[in-house]
Amino acid sequence: MRHAVLTGCPGGGNARLIEELQRDPAWSVRIACLPENIFIMRQVGISPRERLFQRAIFHLQMALEDGLDRVFGQGECRVILCHRGSLDLLAYWLDRRWAKEERKNPAL
């Protein structure tokens, strides 16, 4: 299983590209698209400005990716497309000047 992350700012075209690929019969059988987990997390009631929110996003992203890896197994040759990668968390940590030691271990 290969992973590809389409990261960028809101309105950058990531969602549009994924929608187009899903509609294209040649691509739709070669990709697995993960939902934008920000929409899932908004339902939880944690502010995006909190460290807890960023850690939860990280763990949700990893769980979704790991789940697809297990479902497809070794034989399936699909690319997992993600709106946000697990490393995007670092950008939020740096921007908010949160403690360096917390960036190293999102499980804190």
PDB file of N, CA and C in Angstrom:
ATOM      1  N   MET A   1       0.842  -1.175   0.000  1.00  0.00           N
ATOM      2  CA  MET A   1       0.000   0.000   0.000  1.00  0.00           C
ATOM      3  C   MET A   1       0.884   1.233   0.000  1.00  0.00           C
ATOM      4  N   ARG A   2       0.586   2.147  -0.849  1.00  0.00           N
ATOM      5  CA  ARG A   2       1.320   3.411  -0.900  1.00  0.00           C
ATOM      6  C   ARG A   2       0.405   4.527  -0.431  1.00  0.00           C
ATOM      7  N   HIS A   3       0.996   5.523   0.190  1.00  0.00           N
ATOM      8  CA  HIS A   3       0.235   6.659   0.698  1.00  0.00           C
ATOM      9  C   HIS A   3       0.679   7.912  -0.035  1.00  0.00           C
ATOM     10  N   ALA A   4      -0.265   8.773  -0.354  1.00  0.00           N
ATOM     11  CA  ALA A   4       0.033  10.079  -0.937  1.00  0.00           C
ATOM     12  C   ALA A   4      -0.781  11.104  -0.175  1.00  0.00           C
ATOM     13  N   VAL A   5      -0.135  12.198   0.180  1.00  0.00           N
ATOM     14  CA  VAL A   5      -0.796  13.252   0.931  1.00  0.00           C
ATOM     15  C   VAL A   5      -0.930  14.475   0.046  1.00  0.00           C
ATOM     16  N   LEU A   6      -2.132  14.993  -0.037  1.00  0.00           N
ATOM     17  CA  LEU A   6      -2.384  16.231  -0.763  1.00  0.00           C
ATOM     18  C   LEU A   6      -2.598  17.312   0.287  1.00  0.00           C
ATOM     19  N   THR A   7      -1.540  17.944   0.663  1.00  0.00           N
ATOM     20  CA  THR A   7      -1.612  18.914   1.748  1.00  0.00           C
ATOM     21  C   THR A   7      -1.518  20.324   1.184  1.00  0.00           C
ATOM     22  N   GLY A   8      -2.024  21.252   1.913  1.00  0.00           N
ATOM     23  CA  GLY A   8      -1.986  22.646   1.479  1.00  0.00           C
ATOM     24  C   GLY A   8      -3.018  23.452   2.233  1.00  0.00           C
ATOM     25  N   CYS A   9      -3.207  24.647   1.789  1.00  0.00           N
ATOM     26  CA  CYS A   9      -4.133  25.537   2.483  1.00  0.00           C
ATOM     27  C   CYS A   9      -5.570  25.272   2.043  1.00  0.00           C
ATOM     28  N   PRO A  10      -6.537  25.736   2.841  1.00  0.00           N
ATOM     29  CA  PRO A  10      -7.936  25.616   2.418  1.00  0.00           C
ATOM     30  C   PRO A  10      -8.142  26.308   1.065  1.00  0.00           C
ATOM     31  N   GLY A  11      -8.892  25.669   0.209  1.00  0.00           N
ATOM     32  CA  GLY A  11      -9.136  26.216  -1.118  1.00  0.00           C
ATOM     33  C   GLY A  11      -8.009  25.925  -2.099  1.00  0.00           C
ATOM     34  N   GLY A  12      -7.095  25.054  -1.707  1.00  0.00           N
ATOM     35  CA  GLY A  12      -5.944  24.753  -2.555  1.00  0.00           C
ATOM     36  C   GLY A  12      -6.224  23.748  -3.656  1.00  0.00           C
ATOM     37  N   GLY A  13      -7.415  23.179  -3.679  1.00  0.00           N
ATOM     38  CA  GLY A  13      -7.783  22.253  -4.739  1.00  0.00           C
ATOM     39  C   GLY A  13      -7.642  20.789  -4.398  1.00  0.00           C
ATOM     40  N   ASN A  14      -7.244  20.463  -3.163  1.00  0.00           N
ATOM     41  CA  ASN A  14      -7.064  19.060  -2.783  1.00  0.00           C
ATOM     42  C   ASN A  14      -8.356  18.262  -2.917  1.00  0.00           C
ATOM     43  N   ALA A  15      -9.420  18.786  -2.320  1.00  0.00           N
ATOM     44  CA  ALA A  15     -10.702  18.076  -2.348  1.00  0.00           C
ATOM     45  C   ALA A  15     -11.203  17.924  -3.780  1.00  0.00           C
ATOM     46  N   ARG A  16     -11.031  18.949  -4.573  1.00  0.00           N
ATOM     47  CA  ARG A  16     -11.481  18.908  -5.972  1.00  0.00           C
ATOM     48  C   ARG A  16     -10.735  17.833  -6.754  1.00  0.00           C
ATOM     49  N   LEU A  17      -9.428  17.759  -6.571  1.00  0.00           N
ATOM     50  CA  LEU A  17      -8.636  16.743  -7.263  1.00  0.00           C
ATOM     51  C   LEU A  17      -9.089  15.344  -6.866  1.00  0.00           C
ATOM     52  N   ILE A  18      -9.282  15.125  -5.577  1.00  0.00           N
ATOM     53  CA  ILE A  18      -9.712  13.810  -5.109  1.00  0.00           C
ATOM     54  C   ILE A  18     -11.083  13.462  -5.681  1.00  0.00           C
ATOM     55  N   GLU A  19     -12.008  14.415  -5.698  1.00  0.00           N
ATOM     56  CA  GLU A  19     -13.335  14.175  -6.282  1.00  0.00           C
ATOM     57  C   GLU A  19     -13.229  13.790  -7.749  1.00  0.00           C
ATOM     58  N   GLU A  20     -12.390  14.480  -8.497  1.00  0.00           N
ATOM     59  CA  GLU A  20     -12.212  14.181  -9.924  1.00  0.00           C
ATOM     60  C   GLU A  20     -11.622  12.782 -10.124  1.00  0.00           C
ATOM     61  N   LEU A  21     -10.638  12.419  -9.319  1.00  0.00           N
ATOM     62  CA  LEU A  21     -10.035  11.092  -9.432  1.00  0.00           C
ATOM     63  C   LEU A  21     -11.042   9.990  -9.093  1.00  0.00           C
ATOM     64  N   GLN A  22     -11.891  10.237  -8.104  1.00  0.00           N
ATOM     65  CA  GLN A  22     -12.903   9.245  -7.729  1.00  0.00           C
ATOM     66  C   GLN A  22     -13.934   9.050  -8.839  1.00  0.00           C
ATOM     67  N   ARG A  23     -14.215  10.084  -9.595  1.00  0.00           N
ATOM     68  CA  ARG A  23     -15.198   9.974 -10.691  1.00  0.00           C
ATOM     69  C   ARG A  23     -14.615   9.331 -11.945  1.00  0.00           C
ATOM     70  N   ASP A  24     -13.314   9.379 -12.086  1.00  0.00           N
ATOM     71  CA  ASP A  24     -12.656   8.837 -13.272  1.00  0.00           C
ATOM     72  C   ASP A  24     -12.533   7.319 -13.129  1.00  0.00           C
ATOM     73  N   PRO A  25     -13.181   6.546 -14.012  1.00  0.00           N
ATOM     74  CA  PRO A  25     -13.142   5.078 -13.889  1.00  0.00           C
ATOM     75  C   PRO A  25     -11.728   4.496 -13.904  1.00  0.00           C
ATOM     76  N   ALA A  26     -10.822   5.114 -14.612  1.00  0.00           N
ATOM     77  CA  ALA A  26      -9.451   4.608 -14.671  1.00  0.00           C
ATOM     78  C   ALA A  26      -8.728   4.784 -13.341  1.00  0.00           C
ATOM     79  N   TRP A  27      -9.061   5.824 -12.600  1.00  0.00           N
ATOM     80  CA  TRP A  27      -8.403   6.086 -11.319  1.00  0.00           C
ATOM     81  C   TRP A  27      -9.150   5.517 -10.127  1.00  0.00           C
ATOM     82  N   SER A  28     -10.451   5.472 -10.194  1.00  0.00           N
ATOM     83  CA  SER A  28     -11.250   5.089  -9.025  1.00  0.00           C
ATOM     84  C   SER A  28     -10.918   3.699  -8.493  1.00  0.00           C
ATOM     85  N   VAL A  29     -10.459   2.811  -9.356  1.00  0.00           N
ATOM     86  CA  VAL A  29     -10.090   1.456  -8.908  1.00  0.00           C
ATOM     87  C   VAL A  29      -8.645   1.368  -8.438  1.00  0.00           C
ATOM     88  N   ARG A  30      -7.895   2.473  -8.577  1.00  0.00           N
ATOM     89  CA  ARG A  30      -6.480   2.476  -8.201  1.00  0.00           C
ATOM     90  C   ARG A  30      -6.189   3.285  -6.941  1.00  0.00           C
ATOM     91  N   ILE A  31      -7.220   3.935  -6.404  1.00  0.00           N
ATOM     92  CA  ILE A  31      -7.013   4.784  -5.228  1.00  0.00           C
ATOM     93  C   ILE A  31      -8.029   4.462  -4.138  1.00  0.00           C
ATOM     94  N   ALA A  32      -7.672   4.806  -2.925  1.00  0.00           N
ATOM     95  CA  ALA A  32      -8.584   4.757  -1.779  1.00  0.00           C
ATOM     96  C   ALA A  32      -8.453   6.127  -1.110  1.00  0.00           C
ATOM     97  N   CYS A  33      -9.539   6.845  -1.007  1.00  0.00           N
ATOM     98  CA  CYS A  33      -9.496   8.208  -0.498  1.00  0.00           C
ATOM     99  C   CYS A  33     -10.027   8.278   0.928  1.00  0.00           C
ATOM    100  N   LEU A  34      -9.211   8.816   1.799  1.00  0.00           N
ATOM    101  CA  LEU A  34      -9.629   9.006   3.184  1.00  0.00           C
ATOM    102  C   LEU A  34     -10.400  10.315   3.305  1.00  0.00           C
ATOM    103  N   PRO A  35     -11.386  10.345   4.191  1.00  0.00           N
ATOM    104  CA  PRO A  35     -12.132  11.597   4.386  1.00  0.00           C
ATOM    105  C   PRO A  35     -11.244  12.631   5.075  1.00  0.00           C
ATOM    106  N   GLU A  36     -11.628  13.891   4.956  1.00  0.00           N
ATOM    107  CA  GLU A  36     -10.931  14.943   5.690  1.00  0.00           C
ATOM    108  C   GLU A  36     -11.280  14.783   7.160  1.00  0.00           C
ATOM    109  N   ASN A  37     -10.330  14.398   7.949  1.00  0.00           N
ATOM    110  CA  ASN A  37     -10.638  14.106   9.342  1.00  0.00           C
ATOM    111  C   ASN A  37     -10.924  15.351  10.176  1.00  0.00           C
ATOM    112  N   ILE A  38     -10.663  16.534   9.634  1.00  0.00           N
ATOM    113  CA  ILE A  38     -11.022  17.763  10.343  1.00  0.00           C
ATOM    114  C   ILE A  38     -12.534  17.824  10.550  1.00  0.00           C
ATOM    115  N   PHE A  39     -13.302  17.333   9.584  1.00  0.00           N
ATOM    116  CA  PHE A  39     -14.758  17.354   9.713  1.00  0.00           C
ATOM    117  C   PHE A  39     -15.228  16.362  10.773  1.00  0.00           C
ATOM    118  N   ILE A  40     -14.535  15.251  10.872  1.00  0.00           N
ATOM    119  CA  ILE A  40     -14.851  14.272  11.915  1.00  0.00           C
ATOM    120  C   ILE A  40     -14.539  14.879  13.279  1.00  0.00           C
ATOM    121  N   MET A  41     -13.382  15.518  13.395  1.00  0.00           N
ATOM    122  CA  MET A  41     -12.951  16.076  14.675  1.00  0.00           C
ATOM    123  C   MET A  41     -13.822  17.240  15.134  1.00  0.00           C
ATOM    124  N   ARG A  42     -14.386  17.985  14.232  1.00  0.00           N
ATOM    125  CA  ARG A  42     -15.263  19.096  14.631  1.00  0.00           C
ATOM    126  C   ARG A  42     -16.483  18.588  15.397  1.00  0.00           C
ATOM    127  N   GLN A  43     -16.872  17.360  15.144  1.00  0.00           N
ATOM    128  CA  GLN A  43     -18.013  16.762  15.828  1.00  0.00           C
ATOM    129  C   GLN A  43     -17.686  16.401  17.277  1.00  0.00           C
ATOM    130  N   VAL A  44     -16.405  16.280  17.597  1.00  0.00           N
ATOM    131  CA  VAL A  44     -15.969  15.852  18.919  1.00  0.00           C
ATOM    132  C   VAL A  44     -16.106  16.973  19.948  1.00  0.00           C
ATOM    133  N   GLY A  45     -16.005  18.219  19.511  1.00  0.00           N
ATOM    134  CA  GLY A  45     -16.158  19.341  20.427  1.00  0.00           C
ATOM    135  C   GLY A  45     -14.875  19.836  21.059  1.00  0.00           C
ATOM    136  N   ILE A  46     -13.730  19.562  20.441  1.00  0.00           N
ATOM    137  CA  ILE A  46     -12.449  20.068  20.922  1.00  0.00           C
ATOM    138  C   ILE A  46     -12.030  21.199  19.987  1.00  0.00           C
ATOM    139  N   SER A  47     -11.595  22.318  20.543  1.00  0.00           N
ATOM    140  CA  SER A  47     -11.180  23.460  19.737  1.00  0.00           C
ATOM    141  C   SER A  47      -9.921  23.136  18.942  1.00  0.00           C
ATOM    142  N   PRO A  48      -9.876  23.529  17.660  1.00  0.00           N
ATOM    143  CA  PRO A  48      -8.668  23.315  16.856  1.00  0.00           C
ATOM    144  C   PRO A  48      -7.446  24.048  17.400  1.00  0.00           C
ATOM    145  N   ARG A  49      -7.636  24.993  18.279  1.00  0.00           N
ATOM    146  CA  ARG A  49      -6.516  25.730  18.871  1.00  0.00           C
ATOM    147  C   ARG A  49      -5.847  24.963  20.020  1.00  0.00           C
ATOM    148  N   GLU A  50      -6.472  23.886  20.459  1.00  0.00           N
ATOM    149  CA  GLU A  50      -5.922  23.108  21.571  1.00  0.00           C
ATOM    150  C   GLU A  50      -4.922  22.068  21.085  1.00  0.00           C
ATOM    151  N   ARG A  51      -3.936  21.790  21.917  1.00  0.00           N
ATOM    152  CA  ARG A  51      -2.970  20.725  21.611  1.00  0.00           C
ATOM    153  C   ARG A  51      -3.684  19.382  21.474  1.00  0.00           C
ATOM    154  N   LEU A  52      -4.661  19.163  22.320  1.00  0.00           N
ATOM    155  CA  LEU A  52      -5.417  17.911  22.305  1.00  0.00           C
ATOM    156  C   LEU A  52      -6.048  17.668  20.935  1.00  0.00           C
ATOM    157  N   PHE A  53      -6.555  18.715  20.307  1.00  0.00           N
ATOM    158  CA  PHE A  53      -7.162  18.598  18.986  1.00  0.00           C
ATOM    159  C   PHE A  53      -6.132  18.095  17.980  1.00  0.00           C
ATOM    160  N   GLN A  54      -4.938  18.694  17.995  1.00  0.00           N
ATOM    161  CA  GLN A  54      -3.905  18.297  17.039  1.00  0.00           C
ATOM    162  C   GLN A  54      -3.452  16.860  17.279  1.00  0.00           C
ATOM    163  N   ARG A  55      -3.346  16.465  18.531  1.00  0.00           N
ATOM    164  CA  ARG A  55      -2.975  15.070  18.826  1.00  0.00           C
ATOM    165  C   ARG A  55      -4.072  14.116  18.371  1.00  0.00           C
ATOM    166  N   ALA A  56      -5.320  14.507  18.580  1.00  0.00           N
ATOM    167  CA  ALA A  56      -6.438  13.652  18.158  1.00  0.00           C
ATOM    168  C   ALA A  56      -6.463  13.508  16.637  1.00  0.00           C
ATOM    169  N   ILE A  57      -6.213  14.599  15.919  1.00  0.00           N
ATOM    170  CA  ILE A  57      -6.146  14.551  14.455  1.00  0.00           C
ATOM    171  C   ILE A  57      -5.066  13.562  14.016  1.00  0.00           C
ATOM    172  N   PHE A  58      -3.910  13.639  14.661  1.00  0.00           N
ATOM    173  CA  PHE A  58      -2.803  12.741  14.330  1.00  0.00           C
ATOM    174  C   PHE A  58      -3.216  11.278  14.501  1.00  0.00           C
ATOM    175  N   HIS A  59      -3.786  10.958  15.656  1.00  0.00           N
ATOM    176  CA  HIS A  59      -4.150   9.565  15.936  1.00  0.00           C
ATOM    177  C   HIS A  59      -5.288   9.085  15.027  1.00  0.00           C
ATOM    178  N   LEU A  60      -6.230   9.947  14.729  1.00  0.00           N
ATOM    179  CA  LEU A  60      -7.310   9.583  13.819  1.00  0.00           C
ATOM    180  C   LEU A  60      -6.754   9.300  12.429  1.00  0.00           C
ATOM    181  N   GLN A  61      -5.855  10.161  11.963  1.00  0.00           N
ATOM    182  CA  GLN A  61      -5.241   9.958  10.648  1.00  0.00           C
ATOM    183  C   GLN A  61      -4.505   8.626  10.590  1.00  0.00           C
ATOM    184  N   MET A  62      -3.716   8.339  11.619  1.00  0.00           N
ATOM    185  CA  MET A  62      -2.963   7.085  11.635  1.00  0.00           C
ATOM    186  C   MET A  62      -3.904   5.882  11.686  1.00  0.00           C
ATOM    187  N   ALA A  63      -4.987   5.990  12.455  1.00  0.00           N
ATOM    188  CA  ALA A  63      -5.950   4.881  12.544  1.00  0.00           C
ATOM    189  C   ALA A  63      -6.619   4.625  11.200  1.00  0.00           C
ATOM    190  N   LEU A  64      -6.988   5.696  10.504  1.00  0.00           N
ATOM    191  CA  LEU A  64      -7.619   5.524   9.187  1.00  0.00           C
ATOM    192  C   LEU A  64      -6.644   4.876   8.196  1.00  0.00           C
ATOM    193  N   GLU A  65      -5.415   5.358   8.178  1.00  0.00           N
ATOM    194  CA  GLU A  65      -4.418   4.785   7.265  1.00  0.00           C
ATOM    195  C   GLU A  65      -4.120   3.323   7.611  1.00  0.00           C
ATOM    196  N   ASP A  66      -3.931   3.042   8.886  1.00  0.00           N
ATOM    197  CA  ASP A  66      -3.655   1.665   9.311  1.00  0.00           C
ATOM    198  C   ASP A  66      -4.826   0.744   8.996  1.00  0.00           C
ATOM    199  N   GLY A  67      -6.041   1.241   9.183  1.00  0.00           N
ATOM    200  CA  GLY A  67      -7.229   0.441   8.880  1.00  0.00           C
ATOM    201  C   GLY A  67      -7.288   0.048   7.414  1.00  0.00           C
ATOM    202  N   LEU A  68      -7.022   1.005   6.525  1.00  0.00           N
ATOM    203  CA  LEU A  68      -7.019   0.676   5.097  1.00  0.00           C
ATOM    204  C   LEU A  68      -5.891  -0.276   4.748  1.00  0.00           C
ATOM    205  N   ASP A  69      -4.747  -0.085   5.352  1.00  0.00           N
ATOM    206  CA  ASP A  69      -3.638  -1.025   5.109  1.00  0.00           C
ATOM    207  C   ASP A  69      -4.047  -2.452   5.454  1.00  0.00           C
ATOM    208  N   ARG A  70      -4.733  -2.622   6.586  1.00  0.00           N
ATOM    209  CA  ARG A  70      -5.169  -3.968   6.999  1.00  0.00           C
ATOM    210  C   ARG A  70      -6.252  -4.513   6.068  1.00  0.00           C
ATOM    211  N   VAL A  71      -7.168  -3.663   5.649  1.00  0.00           N
ATOM    212  CA  VAL A  71      -8.259  -4.109   4.781  1.00  0.00           C
ATOM    213  C   VAL A  71      -7.738  -4.553   3.421  1.00  0.00           C
ATOM    214  N   PHE A  72      -6.866  -3.760   2.841  1.00  0.00           N
ATOM    215  CA  PHE A  72      -6.374  -4.083   1.510  1.00  0.00           C
ATOM    216  C   PHE A  72      -5.268  -5.121   1.527  1.00  0.00           C
ATOM    217  N   GLY A  73      -4.508  -5.191   2.596  1.00  0.00           N
ATOM    218  CA  GLY A  73      -3.453  -6.187   2.693  1.00  0.00           C
ATOM    219  C   GLY A  73      -2.324  -5.960   1.713  1.00  0.00           C
ATOM    220  N   GLN A  74      -1.482  -6.947   1.611  1.00  0.00           N
ATOM    221  CA  GLN A  74      -0.295  -6.841   0.771  1.00  0.00           C
ATOM    222  C   GLN A  74      -0.599  -6.950  -0.724  1.00  0.00           C
ATOM    223  N   GLY A  75      -1.647  -7.654  -1.081  1.00  0.00           N
ATOM    224  CA  GLY A  75      -1.918  -7.911  -2.490  1.00  0.00           C
ATOM    225  C   GLY A  75      -2.559  -6.760  -3.240  1.00  0.00           C
ATOM    226  N   GLU A  76      -3.254  -5.904  -2.546  1.00  0.00           N
ATOM    227  CA  GLU A  76      -3.967  -4.800  -3.199  1.00  0.00           C
ATOM    228  C   GLU A  76      -3.013  -3.658  -3.497  1.00  0.00           C
ATOM    229  N   CYS A  77      -3.001  -3.227  -4.730  1.00  0.00           N
ATOM    230  CA  CYS A  77      -2.099  -2.143  -5.131  1.00  0.00           C
ATOM    231  C   CYS A  77      -2.901  -0.864  -5.350  1.00  0.00           C
ATOM    232  N   ARG A  78      -3.292  -0.231  -4.259  1.00  0.00           N
ATOM    233  CA  ARG A  78      -3.996   1.046  -4.325  1.00  0.00           C
ATOM    234  C   ARG A  78      -3.175   2.116  -3.621  1.00  0.00           C
ATOM    235  N   VAL A  79      -3.370   3.323  -4.049  1.00  0.00           N
ATOM    236  CA  VAL A  79      -2.746   4.457  -3.383  1.00  0.00           C
ATOM    237  C   VAL A  79      -3.786   5.058  -2.447  1.00  0.00           C
ATOM    238  N   ILE A  80      -3.395   5.273  -1.195  1.00  0.00           N
ATOM    239  CA  ILE A  80      -4.275   5.949  -0.241  1.00  0.00           C
ATOM    240  C   ILE A  80      -4.030   7.440  -0.385  1.00  0.00           C
ATOM    241  N   LEU A  81      -5.077   8.172  -0.735  1.00  0.00           N
ATOM    242  CA  LEU A  81      -4.974   9.629  -0.840  1.00  0.00           C
ATOM    243  C   LEU A  81      -5.533  10.252   0.429  1.00  0.00           C
ATOM    244  N   CYS A  82      -4.763  11.154   1.004  1.00  0.00           N
ATOM    245  CA  CYS A  82      -5.143  11.814   2.256  1.00  0.00           C
ATOM    246  C   CYS A  82      -5.178  13.323   2.039  1.00  0.00           C
ATOM    247  N   HIS A  83      -6.149  13.976   2.668  1.00  0.00           N
ATOM    248  CA  HIS A  83      -6.217  15.432   2.626  1.00  0.00           C
ATOM    249  C   HIS A  83      -5.163  16.062   3.524  1.00  0.00           C
ATOM    250  N   ARG A  84      -4.837  15.377   4.589  1.00  0.00           N
ATOM    251  CA  ARG A  84      -3.881  15.905   5.549  1.00  0.00           C
ATOM    252  C   ARG A  84      -3.003  14.756   6.015  1.00  0.00           C
ATOM    253  N   GLY A  85      -1.719  14.965   5.984  1.00  0.00           N
ATOM    254  CA  GLY A  85      -0.807  13.931   6.425  1.00  0.00           C
ATOM    255  C   GLY A  85      -0.492  14.050   7.902  1.00  0.00           C
ATOM    256  N   SER A  86       0.042  13.001   8.449  1.00  0.00           N
ATOM    257  CA  SER A  86       0.358  13.001   9.877  1.00  0.00           C
ATOM    258  C   SER A  86       1.444  14.022  10.214  1.00  0.00           C
ATOM    259  N   LEU A  87       2.296  14.376   9.267  1.00  0.00           N
ATOM    260  CA  LEU A  87       3.329  15.373   9.531  1.00  0.00           C
ATOM    261  C   LEU A  87       2.801  16.801   9.511  1.00  0.00           C
ATOM    262  N   ASP A  88       1.602  17.021   9.015  1.00  0.00           N
ATOM    263  CA  ASP A  88       1.022  18.369   9.040  1.00  0.00           C
ATOM    264  C   ASP A  88       0.900  18.884  10.467  1.00  0.00           C
ATOM    265  N   LEU A  89       0.783  17.965  11.403  1.00  0.00           N
ATOM    266  CA  LEU A  89       0.715  18.322  12.815  1.00  0.00           C
ATOM    267  C   LEU A  89       1.887  19.213  13.216  1.00  0.00           C
ATOM    268  N   LEU A  90       3.059  18.927  12.694  1.00  0.00           N
ATOM    269  CA  LEU A  90       4.251  19.689  13.038  1.00  0.00           C
ATOM    270  C   LEU A  90       4.093  21.169  12.681  1.00  0.00           C
ATOM    271  N   ALA A  91       3.468  21.468  11.567  1.00  0.00           N
ATOM    272  CA  ALA A  91       3.274  22.866  11.168  1.00  0.00           C
ATOM    273  C   ALA A  91       2.455  23.621  12.205  1.00  0.00           C
ATOM    274  N   TYR A  92       1.421  22.997  12.743  1.00  0.00           N
ATOM    275  CA  TYR A  92       0.597  23.647  13.769  1.00  0.00           C
ATOM    276  C   TYR A  92       1.387  23.838  15.059  1.00  0.00           C
ATOM    277  N   TRP A  93       2.190  22.844  15.408  1.00  0.00           N
ATOM    278  CA  TRP A  93       3.000  22.936  16.620  1.00  0.00           C
ATOM    279  C   TRP A  93       3.979  24.099  16.499  1.00  0.00           C
ATOM    280  N   LEU A  94       4.660  24.196  15.370  1.00  0.00           N
ATOM    281  CA  LEU A  94       5.638  25.251  15.169  1.00  0.00           C
ATOM    282  C   LEU A  94       4.971  26.624  15.129  1.00  0.00           C
ATOM    283  N   ASP A  95       3.864  26.729  14.432  1.00  0.00           N
ATOM    284  CA  ASP A  95       3.160  28.001  14.302  1.00  0.00           C
ATOM    285  C   ASP A  95       2.708  28.542  15.660  1.00  0.00           C
ATOM    286  N   ARG A  96       2.302  27.665  16.531  1.00  0.00           N
ATOM    287  CA  ARG A  96       1.791  28.090  17.847  1.00  0.00           C
ATOM    288  C   ARG A  96       2.879  28.106  18.927  1.00  0.00           C
ATOM    289  N   ARG A  97       4.096  27.762  18.521  1.00  0.00           N
ATOM    290  CA  ARG A  97       5.241  27.759  19.438  1.00  0.00           C
ATOM    291  C   ARG A  97       5.005  26.884  20.670  1.00  0.00           C
ATOM    292  N   TRP A  98       4.391  25.733  20.442  1.00  0.00           N
ATOM    293  CA  TRP A  98       4.172  24.795  21.531  1.00  0.00           C
ATOM    294  C   TRP A  98       5.484  24.094  21.847  1.00  0.00           C
ATOM    295  N   ALA A  99       5.560  23.498  23.012  1.00  0.00           N
ATOM    296  CA  ALA A  99       6.793  22.894  23.507  1.00  0.00           C
ATOM    297  C   ALA A  99       7.364  21.869  22.530  1.00  0.00           C
ATOM    298  N   LYS A 100       8.660  21.959  22.318  1.00  0.00           N
ATOM    299  CA  LYS A 100       9.353  21.065  21.394  1.00  0.00           C
ATOM    300  C   LYS A 100       9.192  19.603  21.786  1.00  0.00           C
ATOM    301  N   GLU A 101       9.287  19.305  23.074  1.00  0.00           N
ATOM    302  CA  GLU A 101       9.190  17.909  23.516  1.00  0.00           C
ATOM    303  C   GLU A 101       7.814  17.310  23.223  1.00  0.00           C
ATOM    304  N   GLU A 102       6.790  18.125  23.169  1.00  0.00           N
ATOM    305  CA  GLU A 102       5.451  17.617  22.829  1.00  0.00           C
ATOM    306  C   GLU A 102       5.358  17.280  21.347  1.00  0.00           C
ATOM    307  N   ARG A 103       6.106  17.985  20.508  1.00  0.00           N
ATOM    308  CA  ARG A 103       6.081  17.693  19.069  1.00  0.00           C
ATOM    309  C   ARG A 103       6.673  16.327  18.787  1.00  0.00           C
ATOM    310  N   LYS A 104       7.646  15.935  19.573  1.00  0.00           N
ATOM    311  CA  LYS A 104       8.314  14.663  19.333  1.00  0.00           C
ATOM    312  C   LYS A 104       7.420  13.465  19.623  1.00  0.00           C
ATOM    313  N   ASN A 105       6.476  13.627  20.515  1.00  0.00           N
ATOM    314  CA  ASN A 105       5.618  12.517  20.903  1.00  0.00           C
ATOM    315  C   ASN A 105       4.170  12.986  20.932  1.00  0.00           C
ATOM    316  N   PRO A 106       3.453  12.882  19.804  1.00  0.00           N
ATOM    317  CA  PRO A 106       2.058  13.330  19.766  1.00  0.00           C
ATOM    318  C   PRO A 106       1.142  12.576  20.720  1.00  0.00           C
ATOM    319  N   ALA A 107       1.615  11.475  21.266  1.00  0.00           N
ATOM    320  CA  ALA A 107       0.772  10.700  22.180  1.00  0.00           C
ATOM    321  C   ALA A 107       0.695  11.326  23.573  1.00  0.00           C
ATOM    322  N   LEU A 108       1.504  12.358  23.842  1.00  0.00           N
ATOM    323  CA  LEU A 108       1.480  13.000  25.167  1.00  0.00           C
ATOM    324  C   LEU A 108       0.125  13.553  25.498  1.00  0.00           C
TER     325      LEU A 108
END
